[in-house]
């Protein structure tokens, strides 16, 4: 299984998993600590069987 994690506000990064047919798994709230405070992240995954389909 492959996983991608991107910041919810980063529109350019969010295009990558969508373009590669990753499945959206959910949002982890306040999961990443940055200098400006906590940030939400979006999680995506792709199973090996899904990779072979694409």
PDB file of N, CA and C in Angstrom:
ATOM      1  N   UNK A   1       0.845  -1.176   0.000  1.00  0.00           N
ATOM      2  CA  UNK A   1       0.000   0.000   0.000  1.00  0.00           C
ATOM      3  C   UNK A   1       0.889   1.237   0.000  1.00  0.00           C
ATOM      4  N   UNK A   2       0.505   2.192  -0.800  1.00  0.00           N
ATOM      5  CA  UNK A   2       1.186   3.486  -0.836  1.00  0.00           C
ATOM      6  C   UNK A   2       0.285   4.515  -0.171  1.00  0.00           C
ATOM      7  N   UNK A   3       0.889   5.434   0.573  1.00  0.00           N
ATOM      8  CA  UNK A   3       0.120   6.490   1.236  1.00  0.00           C
ATOM      9  C   UNK A   3       0.719   7.843   0.901  1.00  0.00           C
ATOM     10  N   UNK A   4      -0.164   8.811   0.768  1.00  0.00           N
ATOM     11  CA  UNK A   4       0.247  10.200   0.586  1.00  0.00           C
ATOM     12  C   UNK A   4      -0.483  11.046   1.615  1.00  0.00           C
ATOM     13  N   UNK A   5       0.239  11.990   2.168  1.00  0.00           N
ATOM     14  CA  UNK A   5      -0.347  12.925   3.139  1.00  0.00           C
ATOM     15  C   UNK A   5      -0.049  14.329   2.648  1.00  0.00           C
ATOM     16  N   UNK A   6      -1.098  15.141   2.551  1.00  0.00           N
ATOM     17  CA  UNK A   6      -0.935  16.515   2.083  1.00  0.00           C
ATOM     18  C   UNK A   6      -1.688  17.469   3.007  1.00  0.00           C
ATOM     19  N   UNK A   7      -1.227  18.695   3.069  1.00  0.00           N
ATOM     20  CA  UNK A   7      -1.912  19.721   3.861  1.00  0.00           C
ATOM     21  C   UNK A   7      -3.236  20.070   3.195  1.00  0.00           C
ATOM     22  N   UNK A   8      -4.271  20.260   3.982  1.00  0.00           N
ATOM     23  CA  UNK A   8      -5.596  20.528   3.424  1.00  0.00           C
ATOM     24  C   UNK A   8      -5.640  21.820   2.603  1.00  0.00           C
ATOM     25  N   UNK A   9      -4.825  22.776   2.924  1.00  0.00           N
ATOM     26  CA  UNK A   9      -4.838  24.047   2.209  1.00  0.00           C
ATOM     27  C   UNK A   9      -3.946  24.098   0.983  1.00  0.00           C
ATOM     28  N   UNK A  10      -3.194  23.050   0.721  1.00  0.00           N
ATOM     29  CA  UNK A  10      -2.243  23.048  -0.384  1.00  0.00           C
ATOM     30  C   UNK A  10      -2.895  22.445  -1.633  1.00  0.00           C
ATOM     31  N   UNK A  11      -3.520  23.287  -2.437  1.00  0.00           N
ATOM     32  CA  UNK A  11      -4.279  22.825  -3.598  1.00  0.00           C
ATOM     33  C   UNK A  11      -3.401  22.127  -4.637  1.00  0.00           C
ATOM     34  N   UNK A  12      -2.203  22.601  -4.838  1.00  0.00           N
ATOM     35  CA  UNK A  12      -1.314  21.975  -5.829  1.00  0.00           C
ATOM     36  C   UNK A  12      -0.925  20.568  -5.398  1.00  0.00           C
ATOM     37  N   UNK A  13      -0.630  20.379  -4.120  1.00  0.00           N
ATOM     38  CA  UNK A  13      -0.268  19.044  -3.625  1.00  0.00           C
ATOM     39  C   UNK A  13      -1.453  18.090  -3.654  1.00  0.00           C
ATOM     40  N   UNK A  14      -2.658  18.623  -3.462  1.00  0.00           N
ATOM     41  CA  UNK A  14      -3.851  17.773  -3.466  1.00  0.00           C
ATOM     42  C   UNK A  14      -4.153  17.203  -4.854  1.00  0.00           C
ATOM     43  N   UNK A  15      -3.635  17.847  -5.886  1.00  0.00           N
ATOM     44  CA  UNK A  15      -3.862  17.349  -7.250  1.00  0.00           C
ATOM     45  C   UNK A  15      -3.089  16.064  -7.530  1.00  0.00           C
ATOM     46  N   UNK A  16      -1.962  15.868  -6.860  1.00  0.00           N
ATOM     47  CA  UNK A  16      -1.109  14.707  -7.137  1.00  0.00           C
ATOM     48  C   UNK A  16      -1.819  13.386  -6.851  1.00  0.00           C
ATOM     49  N   UNK A  17      -2.346  13.151  -5.635  1.00  0.00           N
ATOM     50  CA  UNK A  17      -3.009  11.865  -5.406  1.00  0.00           C
ATOM     51  C   UNK A  17      -4.247  11.670  -6.279  1.00  0.00           C
ATOM     52  N   UNK A  18      -4.945  12.743  -6.580  1.00  0.00           N
ATOM     53  CA  UNK A  18      -6.127  12.632  -7.445  1.00  0.00           C
ATOM     54  C   UNK A  18      -5.724  12.223  -8.849  1.00  0.00           C
ATOM     55  N   UNK A  19      -4.644  12.800  -9.346  1.00  0.00           N
ATOM     56  CA  UNK A  19      -4.161  12.480 -10.692  1.00  0.00           C
ATOM     57  C   UNK A  19      -3.677  11.027 -10.767  1.00  0.00           C
ATOM     58  N   UNK A  20      -3.137  10.518  -9.666  1.00  0.00           N
ATOM     59  CA  UNK A  20      -2.608   9.151  -9.632  1.00  0.00           C
ATOM     60  C   UNK A  20      -3.649   8.124  -9.171  1.00  0.00           C
ATOM     61  N   UNK A  21      -4.903   8.550  -9.062  1.00  0.00           N
ATOM     62  CA  UNK A  21      -6.028   7.670  -8.689  1.00  0.00           C
ATOM     63  C   UNK A  21      -5.928   7.091  -7.278  1.00  0.00           C
ATOM     64  N   UNK A  22      -5.345   7.850  -6.354  1.00  0.00           N
ATOM     65  CA  UNK A  22      -5.340   7.445  -4.953  1.00  0.00           C
ATOM     66  C   UNK A  22      -6.743   7.638  -4.387  1.00  0.00           C
ATOM     67  N   UNK A  23      -7.072   6.871  -3.359  1.00  0.00           N
ATOM     68  CA  UNK A  23      -8.362   6.971  -2.688  1.00  0.00           C
ATOM     69  C   UNK A  23      -8.243   7.893  -1.483  1.00  0.00           C
ATOM     70  N   UNK A  24      -9.147   8.848  -1.373  1.00  0.00           N
ATOM     71  CA  UNK A  24      -9.180   9.743  -0.219  1.00  0.00           C
ATOM     72  C   UNK A  24      -9.635   8.948   0.993  1.00  0.00           C
ATOM     73  N   UNK A  25      -8.842   8.970   2.071  1.00  0.00           N
ATOM     74  CA  UNK A  25      -9.149   8.217   3.284  1.00  0.00           C
ATOM     75  C   UNK A  25      -9.762   9.080   4.381  1.00  0.00           C
ATOM     76  N   UNK A  26      -9.404  10.360   4.418  1.00  0.00           N
ATOM     77  CA  UNK A  26      -9.967  11.220   5.443  1.00  0.00           C
ATOM     78  C   UNK A  26      -9.051  12.367   5.806  1.00  0.00           C
ATOM     79  N   UNK A  27      -9.512  13.146   6.784  1.00  0.00           N
ATOM     80  CA  UNK A  27      -8.761  14.301   7.268  1.00  0.00           C
ATOM     81  C   UNK A  27      -8.390  14.076   8.727  1.00  0.00           C
ATOM     82  N   UNK A  28      -7.126  14.254   9.031  1.00  0.00           N
ATOM     83  CA  UNK A  28      -6.659  14.212  10.412  1.00  0.00           C
ATOM     84  C   UNK A  28      -6.546  15.658  10.883  1.00  0.00           C
ATOM     85  N   UNK A  29      -7.358  16.013  11.840  1.00  0.00           N
ATOM     86  CA  UNK A  29      -7.402  17.405  12.301  1.00  0.00           C
ATOM     87  C   UNK A  29      -6.267  17.699  13.274  1.00  0.00           C
ATOM     88  N   UNK A  30      -5.640  18.862  13.087  1.00  0.00           N
ATOM     89  CA  UNK A  30      -4.518  19.294  13.940  1.00  0.00           C
ATOM     90  C   UNK A  30      -3.434  18.219  14.065  1.00  0.00           C
ATOM     91  N   UNK A  31      -3.122  17.566  12.963  1.00  0.00           N
ATOM     92  CA  UNK A  31      -2.193  16.434  12.984  1.00  0.00           C
ATOM     93  C   UNK A  31      -0.741  16.826  12.756  1.00  0.00           C
ATOM     94  N   UNK A  32      -0.504  18.002  12.233  1.00  0.00           N
ATOM     95  CA  UNK A  32       0.849  18.420  11.909  1.00  0.00           C
ATOM     96  C   UNK A  32       1.153  19.740  12.604  1.00  0.00           C
ATOM     97  N   UNK A  33       2.263  19.781  13.320  1.00  0.00           N
ATOM     98  CA  UNK A  33       2.656  21.003  14.020  1.00  0.00           C
ATOM     99  C   UNK A  33       3.664  21.763  13.169  1.00  0.00           C
ATOM    100  N   UNK A  34       3.298  22.967  12.796  1.00  0.00           N
ATOM    101  CA  UNK A  34       4.176  23.863  12.051  1.00  0.00           C
ATOM    102  C   UNK A  34       4.524  25.057  12.931  1.00  0.00           C
ATOM    103  N   UNK A  35       5.410  25.900  12.476  1.00  0.00           N
ATOM    104  CA  UNK A  35       5.793  27.066  13.271  1.00  0.00           C
ATOM    105  C   UNK A  35       4.596  28.006  13.496  1.00  0.00           C
ATOM    106  N   UNK A  36       3.624  27.956  12.572  1.00  0.00           N
ATOM    107  CA  UNK A  36       2.452  28.808  12.697  1.00  0.00           C
ATOM    108  C   UNK A  36       1.321  28.174  13.510  1.00  0.00           C
ATOM    109  N   UNK A  37       1.512  26.941  13.958  1.00  0.00           N
ATOM    110  CA  UNK A  37       0.489  26.245  14.737  1.00  0.00           C
ATOM    111  C   UNK A  37       0.153  24.901  14.121  1.00  0.00           C
ATOM    112  N   UNK A  38      -0.925  24.299  14.584  1.00  0.00           N
ATOM    113  CA  UNK A  38      -1.323  22.992  14.086  1.00  0.00           C
ATOM    114  C   UNK A  38      -2.038  23.113  12.745  1.00  0.00           C
ATOM    115  N   UNK A  39      -1.894  22.066  11.928  1.00  0.00           N
ATOM    116  CA  UNK A  39      -2.437  22.058  10.578  1.00  0.00           C
ATOM    117  C   UNK A  39      -3.177  20.744  10.332  1.00  0.00           C
ATOM    118  N   UNK A  40      -4.290  20.798   9.614  1.00  0.00           N
ATOM    119  CA  UNK A  40      -5.015  19.593   9.215  1.00  0.00           C
ATOM    120  C   UNK A  40      -4.317  18.968   8.013  1.00  0.00           C
ATOM    121  N   UNK A  41      -4.383  17.634   7.905  1.00  0.00           N
ATOM    122  CA  UNK A  41      -3.809  16.940   6.764  1.00  0.00           C
ATOM    123  C   UNK A  41      -4.844  16.006   6.148  1.00  0.00           C
ATOM    124  N   UNK A  42      -4.728  15.797   4.849  1.00  0.00           N
ATOM    125  CA  UNK A  42      -5.572  14.845   4.133  1.00  0.00           C
ATOM    126  C   UNK A  42      -4.744  13.605   3.840  1.00  0.00           C
ATOM    127  N   UNK A  43      -5.367  12.447   3.994  1.00  0.00           N
ATOM    128  CA  UNK A  43      -4.678  11.183   3.779  1.00  0.00           C
ATOM    129  C   UNK A  43      -5.272  10.457   2.576  1.00  0.00           C
ATOM    130  N   UNK A  44      -4.402   9.933   1.738  1.00  0.00           N
ATOM    131  CA  UNK A  44      -4.782   9.193   0.547  1.00  0.00           C
ATOM    132  C   UNK A  44      -4.014   7.878   0.527  1.00  0.00           C
ATOM    133  N   UNK A  45      -4.604   6.848  -0.090  1.00  0.00           N
ATOM    134  CA  UNK A  45      -3.911   5.573  -0.201  1.00  0.00           C
ATOM    135  C   UNK A  45      -4.185   4.932  -1.555  1.00  0.00           C
ATOM    136  N   UNK A  46      -3.303   4.008  -1.916  1.00  0.00           N
ATOM    137  CA  UNK A  46      -3.455   3.254  -3.151  1.00  0.00           C
ATOM    138  C   UNK A  46      -2.971   1.837  -2.878  1.00  0.00           C
ATOM    139  N   UNK A  47      -3.858   0.880  -3.074  1.00  0.00           N
ATOM    140  CA  UNK A  47      -3.512  -0.524  -2.885  1.00  0.00           C
ATOM    141  C   UNK A  47      -2.764  -1.048  -4.105  1.00  0.00           C
ATOM    142  N   UNK A  48      -1.974  -2.086  -3.889  1.00  0.00           N
ATOM    143  CA  UNK A  48      -1.230  -2.677  -4.985  1.00  0.00           C
ATOM    144  C   UNK A  48      -2.174  -3.148  -6.090  1.00  0.00           C
ATOM    145  N   UNK A  49      -3.301  -3.718  -5.712  1.00  0.00           N
ATOM    146  CA  UNK A  49      -4.273  -4.197  -6.706  1.00  0.00           C
ATOM    147  C   UNK A  49      -4.863  -3.038  -7.511  1.00  0.00           C
ATOM    148  N   UNK A  50      -4.997  -1.879  -6.895  1.00  0.00           N
ATOM    149  CA  UNK A  50      -5.505  -0.701  -7.601  1.00  0.00           C
ATOM    150  C   UNK A  50      -4.454  -0.142  -8.556  1.00  0.00           C
ATOM    151  N   UNK A  51      -3.176  -0.243  -8.176  1.00  0.00           N
ATOM    152  CA  UNK A  51      -2.092   0.238  -9.023  1.00  0.00           C
ATOM    153  C   UNK A  51      -2.055  -0.571 -10.314  1.00  0.00           C
ATOM    154  N   UNK A  52      -2.234  -1.875 -10.197  1.00  0.00           N
ATOM    155  CA  UNK A  52      -2.185  -2.740 -11.378  1.00  0.00           C
ATOM    156  C   UNK A  52      -3.363  -2.497 -12.311  1.00  0.00           C
ATOM    157  N   UNK A  53      -4.478  -1.997 -11.783  1.00  0.00           N
ATOM    158  CA  UNK A  53      -5.655  -1.688 -12.609  1.00  0.00           C
ATOM    159  C   UNK A  53      -5.417  -0.463 -13.474  1.00  0.00           C
ATOM    160  N   UNK A  54      -4.662   0.492 -12.929  1.00  0.00           N
ATOM    161  CA  UNK A  54      -4.495   1.776 -13.597  1.00  0.00           C
ATOM    162  C   UNK A  54      -3.482   1.753 -14.673  1.00  0.00           C
TER     163      UNK A  54
END
